[in-house]
Amino acid sequence: MGQPPATAKAGVDYPIAFHISGIHVRTPCKGETCNDVVYADAIVDGKRIELMGDWIWYPNYSSVALFPGDYKGRLFKDSKKNAGPIFQQYELLLRENTIWRCTVTGVYE
């Protein structure tokens, strides 16, 4: 079913500044399974990007506390060669030491 949100580990640095300017929740379905997904409009290093990640974890149905505002984060996994920022994975540090793992799914000019 899913897992509770990850928490920040002691000693891990979150050096990247993120500004989230918009949140969009969508519910894509595959067969009989539908899961809420959040898309966030963000500015990172002066570049506008779209981030995508899980909105709700099962079975306790606790939602991610992601709202427009400023966050700290880190690159969790780089994209494959020649993909640029698309598919890079980040961890954003949220309240109560919770981590939101997300993937870059869009780049804007």
Protein backbone atom coordinates (compact mmCIF):
# COMPACT_ATOMS: atom_id res chain seq x y z
CA MET A 1 0.00 0.00 0.00
CA GLY A 2 2.55 2.70 0.77
CA GLN A 3 4.75 4.07 3.46
CA PRO A 4 4.70 7.02 5.83
CA PRO A 5 6.72 10.05 4.74
CA ALA A 6 10.47 9.83 5.25
CA THR A 7 12.15 11.98 7.87
CA ALA A 8 15.43 13.90 7.65
CA LYS A 9 18.47 12.08 8.94
CA ALA A 10 20.83 13.77 11.37
CA GLY A 11 23.86 15.33 9.66
CA VAL A 12 22.28 15.50 6.18
CA ASP A 13 22.60 18.97 4.63
CA TYR A 14 19.81 20.60 2.60
CA PRO A 15 21.73 23.39 0.81
CA ILE A 16 19.37 24.19 -2.08
CA ALA A 17 16.74 26.94 -1.72
CA PHE A 18 13.33 26.15 -3.23
CA HIS A 19 10.46 28.58 -3.61
CA ILE A 20 7.14 26.83 -4.18
CA SER A 21 4.69 29.19 -5.87
CA GLY A 22 1.83 26.83 -6.73
CA ILE A 23 0.39 23.42 -5.86
CA HIS A 24 -1.80 21.21 -8.07
CA VAL A 25 -3.26 17.87 -6.96
CA ARG A 26 -4.27 15.35 -9.64
CA THR A 27 -5.54 11.80 -9.35
CA PRO A 28 -4.21 9.59 -12.15
CA CYS A 29 -5.69 6.10 -12.31
CA LYS A 30 -4.20 2.83 -13.53
CA GLY A 31 -6.82 0.15 -13.68
CA GLU A 32 -8.75 0.25 -10.41
CA THR A 33 -5.97 2.06 -8.51
CA CYS A 34 -6.13 5.84 -8.14
CA ASN A 35 -3.54 7.78 -6.10
CA ASP A 36 -3.35 11.50 -5.48
CA VAL A 37 -0.22 13.14 -6.89
CA VAL A 38 0.92 16.70 -6.21
CA TYR A 39 2.58 18.91 -8.81
CA ALA A 40 4.41 21.96 -7.49
CA ASP A 41 5.60 25.00 -9.42
CA ALA A 42 9.04 25.87 -8.03
CA ILE A 43 11.97 28.20 -8.52
CA VAL A 44 15.38 26.62 -7.93
CA ASP A 45 18.61 28.48 -8.65
CA GLY A 46 16.61 31.05 -10.63
CA LYS A 47 15.03 28.37 -12.86
CA ARG A 48 11.33 27.61 -12.97
CA ILE A 49 10.55 23.90 -12.74
CA GLU A 50 7.64 21.58 -12.04
CA LEU A 51 8.01 18.97 -9.30
CA MET A 52 5.88 15.86 -8.90
CA GLY A 53 5.51 13.61 -5.85
CA ASP A 54 3.09 11.64 -3.73
CA TRP A 55 0.38 13.54 -1.91
CA ILE A 56 -1.00 10.89 0.46
CA TRP A 57 0.65 7.92 2.11
CA TYR A 58 -1.34 4.84 3.00
CA PRO A 59 -2.64 3.30 5.22
CA ASN A 60 -2.84 6.24 7.63
CA TYR A 61 -3.90 8.80 4.97
CA SER A 62 -1.61 11.50 6.31
CA SER A 63 -1.05 14.13 3.64
CA VAL A 64 2.14 15.98 2.83
CA ALA A 65 2.31 19.43 4.43
CA LEU A 66 3.44 21.20 1.27
CA PHE A 67 2.22 24.76 0.77
CA PRO A 68 3.48 27.72 -1.24
CA GLY A 69 6.57 29.17 0.42
CA ASP A 70 10.30 28.70 0.90
CA TYR A 71 11.95 25.35 1.60
CA LYS A 72 15.41 23.84 1.80
CA GLY A 73 16.25 20.75 -0.20
CA ARG A 74 18.91 18.55 -1.70
CA LEU A 75 19.53 16.64 -4.89
CA PHE A 76 18.63 13.03 -4.10
CA LYS A 77 19.34 11.48 -7.51
CA ASP A 78 20.61 13.11 -10.69
CA SER A 79 18.98 12.51 -14.07
CA LYS A 80 20.47 10.36 -16.79
CA LYS A 81 22.96 11.88 -19.19
CA ASN A 82 21.57 14.39 -21.70
CA ALA A 83 18.24 14.67 -19.85
CA GLY A 84 19.11 18.01 -18.22
CA PRO A 85 17.05 18.65 -15.11
CA ILE A 86 14.16 16.44 -16.23
CA PHE A 87 13.85 13.40 -13.93
CA GLN A 88 16.21 14.77 -11.29
CA GLN A 89 14.96 13.72 -7.86
CA TYR A 90 14.98 16.04 -4.87
CA GLU A 91 14.16 15.87 -1.19
CA LEU A 92 12.49 18.94 0.30
CA LEU A 93 12.64 19.46 4.03
CA LEU A 94 9.13 20.15 5.36
CA ARG A 95 7.84 20.88 8.84
CA GLU A 96 8.51 18.45 11.67
CA ASN A 97 11.59 17.12 9.82
CA THR A 98 9.42 15.42 7.18
CA ILE A 99 10.87 14.86 3.71
CA TRP A 100 8.94 15.20 0.45
CA ARG A 101 10.63 13.27 -2.36
CA CYS A 102 9.84 14.66 -5.76
CA THR A 103 10.89 14.45 -9.40
CA VAL A 104 11.40 17.26 -11.91
CA THR A 105 8.72 16.78 -14.57
CA GLY A 106 8.79 20.16 -16.28
CA VAL A 107 11.06 23.09 -17.08
CA TYR A 108 9.92 26.62 -17.93
CA GLU A 109 11.66 29.55 -19.56
